[in-house]
N, C-alpha and C. Protein backbone atom coordinates (compact mmCIF):
# COMPACT_ATOMS: atom_id res chain seq x y z
N MET A 1 26.46 -34.22 18.65
CA MET A 1 27.74 -34.90 17.40
C MET A 1 26.36 -34.35 16.12
N ARG A 2 24.86 -34.41 16.29
CA ARG A 2 23.88 -34.25 14.93
C ARG A 2 24.21 -32.97 15.00
N ASN A 3 23.96 -31.59 16.15
CA ASN A 3 23.84 -30.34 15.60
C ASN A 3 25.72 -30.17 14.29
N VAL A 4 26.59 -30.50 14.93
CA VAL A 4 27.88 -30.70 13.92
C VAL A 4 27.36 -31.06 12.73
N LEU A 5 26.44 -32.58 12.11
CA LEU A 5 26.44 -32.91 11.49
C LEU A 5 25.49 -32.14 10.71
N SER A 6 24.70 -31.48 11.05
CA SER A 6 23.66 -30.89 10.63
C SER A 6 23.93 -29.71 10.07
N LEU A 7 24.94 -29.42 9.85
CA LEU A 7 26.34 -27.73 9.46
C LEU A 7 26.30 -28.25 8.14
N PHE A 8 27.25 -29.79 8.27
CA PHE A 8 27.34 -29.89 7.05
C PHE A 8 26.62 -30.23 5.59
N ARG A 9 25.26 -30.18 6.12
CA ARG A 9 24.88 -30.73 5.32
C ARG A 9 24.00 -29.87 4.23
N ARG A 10 23.49 -30.52 2.99
CA ARG A 10 24.01 -28.95 2.23
C ARG A 10 21.43 -28.87 2.54
N ALA A 11 21.92 -27.25 2.32
CA ALA A 11 20.64 -26.96 2.28
C ALA A 11 19.78 -26.56 1.14
N PRO A 12 18.60 -26.80 1.60
CA PRO A 12 17.61 -27.39 0.11
C PRO A 12 17.67 -26.56 -0.89
N ARG A 13 17.17 -26.59 -1.61
CA ARG A 13 17.11 -25.82 -3.08
C ARG A 13 15.61 -24.91 -3.02
N ARG A 14 15.69 -23.91 -2.68
CA ARG A 14 15.28 -22.21 -2.56
C ARG A 14 15.12 -21.76 -4.57
N GLN A 15 13.86 -21.78 -4.65
CA GLN A 15 13.56 -21.45 -6.38
C GLN A 15 14.50 -19.64 -5.77
N PRO A 16 14.69 -19.31 -6.87
CA PRO A 16 14.90 -17.71 -6.74
C PRO A 16 14.13 -16.82 -6.08
N HIS A 17 14.15 -15.79 -5.28
CA HIS A 17 13.18 -14.81 -4.85
C HIS A 17 12.58 -13.78 -5.84
N ARG A 18 11.46 -14.06 -6.12
CA ARG A 18 10.41 -13.09 -6.57
C ARG A 18 9.83 -12.26 -6.21
N PRO A 19 9.98 -10.73 -6.04
CA PRO A 19 9.52 -9.66 -5.73
C PRO A 19 7.59 -10.01 -5.71
N PRO A 20 6.86 -9.39 -4.58
CA PRO A 20 5.79 -10.13 -4.37
C PRO A 20 4.69 -8.84 -5.62
N ASN A 21 5.52 -8.12 -6.49
CA ASN A 21 4.97 -7.68 -7.65
C ASN A 21 5.09 -8.11 -8.46
N ALA A 22 5.62 -9.45 -8.63
CA ALA A 22 6.44 -10.38 -9.78
C ALA A 22 7.00 -8.72 -10.83
N GLY A 23 7.76 -7.98 -10.69
CA GLY A 23 8.91 -6.98 -10.34
C GLY A 23 8.61 -6.32 -11.08
N TRP A 24 6.95 -5.92 -11.20
CA TRP A 24 6.17 -4.23 -11.80
C TRP A 24 7.25 -3.68 -10.92
N TYR A 25 7.17 -2.22 -11.84
CA TYR A 25 7.91 -1.09 -11.40
C TYR A 25 6.62 0.25 -11.06
N ARG A 26 6.37 0.35 -10.22
CA ARG A 26 4.85 0.97 -10.07
C ARG A 26 5.13 2.63 -9.82
N SER A 27 5.35 3.41 -11.07
CA SER A 27 5.49 4.94 -10.82
C SER A 27 5.15 5.66 -10.40
N GLU A 28 4.67 7.19 -9.80
CA GLU A 28 3.66 7.88 -9.71
C GLU A 28 2.50 8.52 -11.08
N SER A 29 3.66 7.82 -12.13
CA SER A 29 2.28 8.26 -13.37
C SER A 29 1.20 7.33 -13.92
N CYS A 30 1.87 6.11 -13.22
CA CYS A 30 0.99 4.27 -13.50
C CYS A 30 -0.26 5.06 -12.87
N ARG A 31 -1.74 5.37 -13.44
CA ARG A 31 -2.99 5.46 -12.77
C ARG A 31 -3.62 4.10 -11.91
N PRO A 32 -4.19 5.15 -11.22
CA PRO A 32 -4.62 4.38 -9.71
C PRO A 32 -5.98 3.07 -10.48
N LEU A 33 -6.07 1.90 -9.75
CA LEU A 33 -6.73 1.33 -9.99
C LEU A 33 -8.27 1.43 -9.68
N THR A 34 -9.16 1.20 -10.88
CA THR A 34 -10.18 1.44 -10.62
C THR A 34 -11.66 0.62 -10.02
N ALA A 35 -12.92 0.79 -9.78
CA ALA A 35 -13.43 -0.49 -8.99
C ALA A 35 -13.51 -1.94 -10.14
N GLY A 36 -13.60 -0.80 -11.10
CA GLY A 36 -14.60 -2.15 -12.04
C GLY A 36 -13.30 -2.37 -12.75
N GLN A 37 -11.24 -2.26 -13.01
CA GLN A 37 -10.74 -2.98 -12.83
C GLN A 37 -11.01 -4.44 -12.21
N ILE A 38 -10.65 -3.68 -10.42
CA ILE A 38 -10.71 -5.30 -9.55
C ILE A 38 -11.71 -6.08 -10.00
N ARG A 39 -12.94 -5.11 -10.17
CA ARG A 39 -13.90 -5.92 -10.50
C ARG A 39 -14.22 -7.22 -11.99
N GLU A 40 -13.19 -6.79 -12.62
CA GLU A 40 -12.85 -7.37 -13.91
C GLU A 40 -11.49 -8.57 -13.86
N GLN A 41 -10.57 -8.15 -13.02
CA GLN A 41 -9.22 -9.15 -13.20
C GLN A 41 -9.43 -10.40 -13.46
N GLN A 42 -8.94 -10.80 -14.38
CA GLN A 42 -9.10 -12.32 -13.98
C GLN A 42 -7.67 -12.82 -14.67
N PHE A 43 -7.90 -13.68 -13.85
CA PHE A 43 -5.76 -14.85 -13.49
C PHE A 43 -6.17 -16.08 -14.89
N HIS A 44 -4.71 -16.67 -15.41
CA HIS A 44 -4.31 -17.63 -15.49
C HIS A 44 -4.82 -18.90 -14.63
N GLN A 45 -5.43 -19.75 -15.06
CA GLN A 45 -6.07 -20.70 -14.47
C GLN A 45 -4.96 -22.03 -14.48
N VAL A 46 -4.46 -22.29 -13.63
CA VAL A 46 -3.26 -23.71 -13.72
C VAL A 46 -3.74 -24.88 -13.16
N ARG A 47 -3.08 -25.79 -12.56
CA ARG A 47 -3.78 -26.93 -12.17
C ARG A 47 -4.49 -27.36 -10.96
N ARG A 48 -4.19 -26.41 -10.20
CA ARG A 48 -4.85 -26.85 -8.87
C ARG A 48 -6.00 -25.06 -8.44
N GLY A 49 -5.90 -24.37 -9.36
CA GLY A 49 -7.29 -23.41 -9.62
C GLY A 49 -5.83 -21.93 -10.57
N LEU A 50 -5.85 -21.05 -9.55
CA LEU A 50 -5.76 -19.41 -10.08
C LEU A 50 -4.14 -19.64 -9.86
N ASP A 51 -3.02 -19.02 -10.29
CA ASP A 51 -2.06 -18.84 -10.86
C ASP A 51 -1.78 -18.09 -9.17
N PRO A 52 -0.53 -18.66 -8.70
CA PRO A 52 -0.18 -17.99 -7.22
C PRO A 52 -0.14 -16.38 -7.37
N VAL A 53 0.86 -16.84 -8.14
CA VAL A 53 2.04 -14.92 -8.42
C VAL A 53 0.96 -14.18 -9.03
N GLU A 54 -0.25 -14.74 -10.11
CA GLU A 54 -0.61 -13.53 -10.53
C GLU A 54 -1.30 -12.49 -9.35
N VAL A 55 -2.18 -13.61 -8.09
CA VAL A 55 -3.11 -13.28 -7.18
C VAL A 55 -2.11 -12.73 -6.07
N HIS A 56 -1.45 -13.30 -6.52
CA HIS A 56 -0.32 -12.38 -5.15
C HIS A 56 0.65 -10.62 -5.55
N ALA A 57 0.56 -11.36 -6.64
CA ALA A 57 0.77 -9.23 -7.66
C ALA A 57 0.10 -8.54 -7.51
N PHE A 58 -1.32 -9.09 -8.05
CA PHE A 58 -2.74 -7.99 -7.79
C PHE A 58 -2.97 -7.94 -6.40
N LEU A 59 -3.18 -8.27 -5.00
CA LEU A 59 -2.86 -8.15 -3.99
C LEU A 59 -2.44 -7.01 -3.79
N HIS A 60 -1.19 -7.75 -3.96
CA HIS A 60 -0.22 -6.34 -3.08
C HIS A 60 -0.19 -4.90 -3.40
N ARG A 61 -0.86 -4.94 -5.22
CA ARG A 61 -1.30 -3.67 -5.71
C ARG A 61 -2.08 -3.19 -5.58
N VAL A 62 -3.27 -3.94 -4.76
CA VAL A 62 -4.77 -3.43 -4.58
C VAL A 62 -4.29 -2.99 -3.36
N ALA A 63 -3.81 -3.42 -2.39
CA ALA A 63 -3.30 -3.29 -0.82
C ALA A 63 -2.37 -2.36 -0.99
N ALA A 64 -1.59 -1.41 -1.84
CA ALA A 64 -0.81 -1.08 -1.89
C ALA A 64 -1.47 0.99 -1.99
N GLU A 65 -2.33 0.19 -3.31
CA GLU A 65 -3.09 1.58 -4.37
C GLU A 65 -4.49 2.41 -2.45
N LEU A 66 -4.53 0.75 -1.52
CA LEU A 66 -5.53 1.48 -0.71
C LEU A 66 -4.60 1.84 0.59
N ALA A 67 -3.02 1.52 1.05
CA ALA A 67 -2.53 2.22 1.29
C ALA A 67 -2.24 4.05 0.86
N ASN A 68 -2.28 3.83 -0.22
CA ASN A 68 -2.13 5.00 -0.65
C ASN A 68 -3.63 6.20 0.12
N ALA A 69 -4.95 5.59 -0.86
CA ALA A 69 -5.86 6.19 -0.26
C ALA A 69 -6.08 6.53 0.82
N ARG A 70 -5.08 5.47 2.10
CA ARG A 70 -5.84 5.74 3.70
C ARG A 70 -4.73 7.17 3.98
N ARG A 71 -3.60 6.99 3.68
CA ARG A 71 -2.47 8.00 4.11
C ARG A 71 -2.67 9.21 3.50
N ASP A 72 -3.26 9.20 2.03
CA ASP A 72 -3.55 11.05 1.82
C ASP A 72 -5.04 10.71 2.32
N LEU A 73 -6.37 10.23 2.79
CA LEU A 73 -7.33 10.84 3.46
C LEU A 73 -6.98 11.55 4.82
N ALA A 74 -5.65 10.65 5.85
CA ALA A 74 -5.13 10.75 6.79
C ALA A 74 -4.08 12.65 6.69
N LEU A 75 -3.29 12.87 5.30
CA LEU A 75 -2.91 14.49 5.63
C LEU A 75 -4.26 15.16 5.16
N THR A 76 -4.94 14.60 4.19
CA THR A 76 -6.38 15.70 4.14
C THR A 76 -6.62 16.31 5.34
N THR A 77 -7.14 15.01 6.53
CA THR A 77 -8.06 15.29 7.53
C THR A 77 -7.05 16.33 8.67
N GLU A 78 -5.50 15.88 8.77
CA GLU A 78 -4.88 16.99 9.30
C GLU A 78 -4.78 18.43 8.98
N GLU A 79 -4.64 17.96 7.32
CA GLU A 79 -4.61 19.97 7.30
C GLU A 79 -5.73 20.26 7.22
N ASN A 80 -7.51 19.55 7.40
CA ASN A 80 -8.48 20.09 7.47
C ASN A 80 -8.47 20.76 8.66
N VAL A 81 -8.30 20.53 9.52
CA VAL A 81 -7.71 20.65 11.38
C VAL A 81 -7.17 21.68 11.11
N ARG A 82 -6.02 21.80 11.09
CA ARG A 82 -4.86 23.01 10.79
C ARG A 82 -6.02 24.48 10.47
N ILE A 83 -6.27 23.60 8.45
CA ILE A 83 -7.27 25.18 8.61
C ILE A 83 -8.12 25.69 9.72
N LYS A 84 -9.07 25.11 9.69
CA LYS A 84 -10.06 25.13 10.69
C LYS A 84 -9.49 26.02 12.59
N ARG A 85 -7.78 25.56 12.47
CA ARG A 85 -7.46 25.83 13.92
C ARG A 85 -7.17 27.28 13.71
N ALA A 86 -6.47 28.20 12.75
CA ALA A 86 -5.93 28.48 11.22
C ALA A 86 -7.11 29.85 11.14
N LEU A 87 -7.97 29.21 11.08
CA LEU A 87 -9.57 30.70 10.78
C LEU A 87 -9.79 30.61 12.06
N ARG A 88 -10.21 30.28 13.19
CA ARG A 88 -10.63 30.31 14.20
C ARG A 88 -9.81 31.48 15.35
N SER A 89 -8.20 31.05 14.87
CA SER A 89 -7.74 32.10 15.90
C SER A 89 -7.85 33.42 14.98
N TRP A 90 -7.99 33.45 13.63
CA TRP A 90 -7.53 34.62 12.56
C TRP A 90 -9.51 34.82 12.96
N GLN A 91 -9.67 34.59 12.97
CA GLN A 91 -11.57 35.40 13.65
C GLN A 91 -11.43 35.74 15.32
N SER A 92 -10.79 34.91 15.96
CA SER A 92 -10.83 35.16 17.03
C SER A 92 -10.77 36.51 17.40
N ARG A 93 -9.36 37.25 17.04
CA ARG A 93 -7.97 38.44 16.37
C ARG A 93 -8.77 39.46 16.34
N PHE A 94 -9.89 38.93 15.58
CA PHE A 94 -10.94 40.07 14.13
C PHE A 94 -12.24 40.32 14.79
N THR A 95 -12.31 39.39 16.29
CA THR A 95 -13.80 39.60 16.63
C THR A 95 -14.37 41.77 17.03
N PRO A 96 -15.59 41.54 17.10
CA PRO A 96 -15.48 43.05 18.25
C PRO A 96 -15.46 42.92 19.81
N GLY A 97 -14.95 43.81 19.92
CA GLY A 97 -14.27 43.49 21.10
C GLY A 97 -12.75 43.00 21.65
N ALA A 98 -12.74 42.45 21.01
CA ALA A 98 -11.27 41.87 20.78
C ALA A 98 -10.07 42.62 21.24
N ARG A 99 -9.31 42.32 22.64
CA ARG A 99 -7.93 43.26 22.87
C ARG A 99 -6.97 43.17 22.31
N TRP A 100 -6.21 43.58 22.77
CA TRP A 100 -4.50 43.52 21.75
C TRP A 100 -3.48 44.19 22.88
């Protein structure tokens, strides 16, 4: 019976969903964060400390920058490995005494 009654209860009102970046649009033309910007970032103070929405948005931006940097590093490492293999293959074909 309790399960049936719980279906008719009103769900608690939730605040409208806000994206973690507070609606900021990040285009490719947006410059990446610098270490100085991160060190100097200040947030508005609210009753119990810092504004959690601003802190959350900033942390998401830093996390995105870090993810992009790690992805770029992985791609660069893969490309370096590919180039080294191609160079070794080319060198082995043209070393003296190599037979075809």
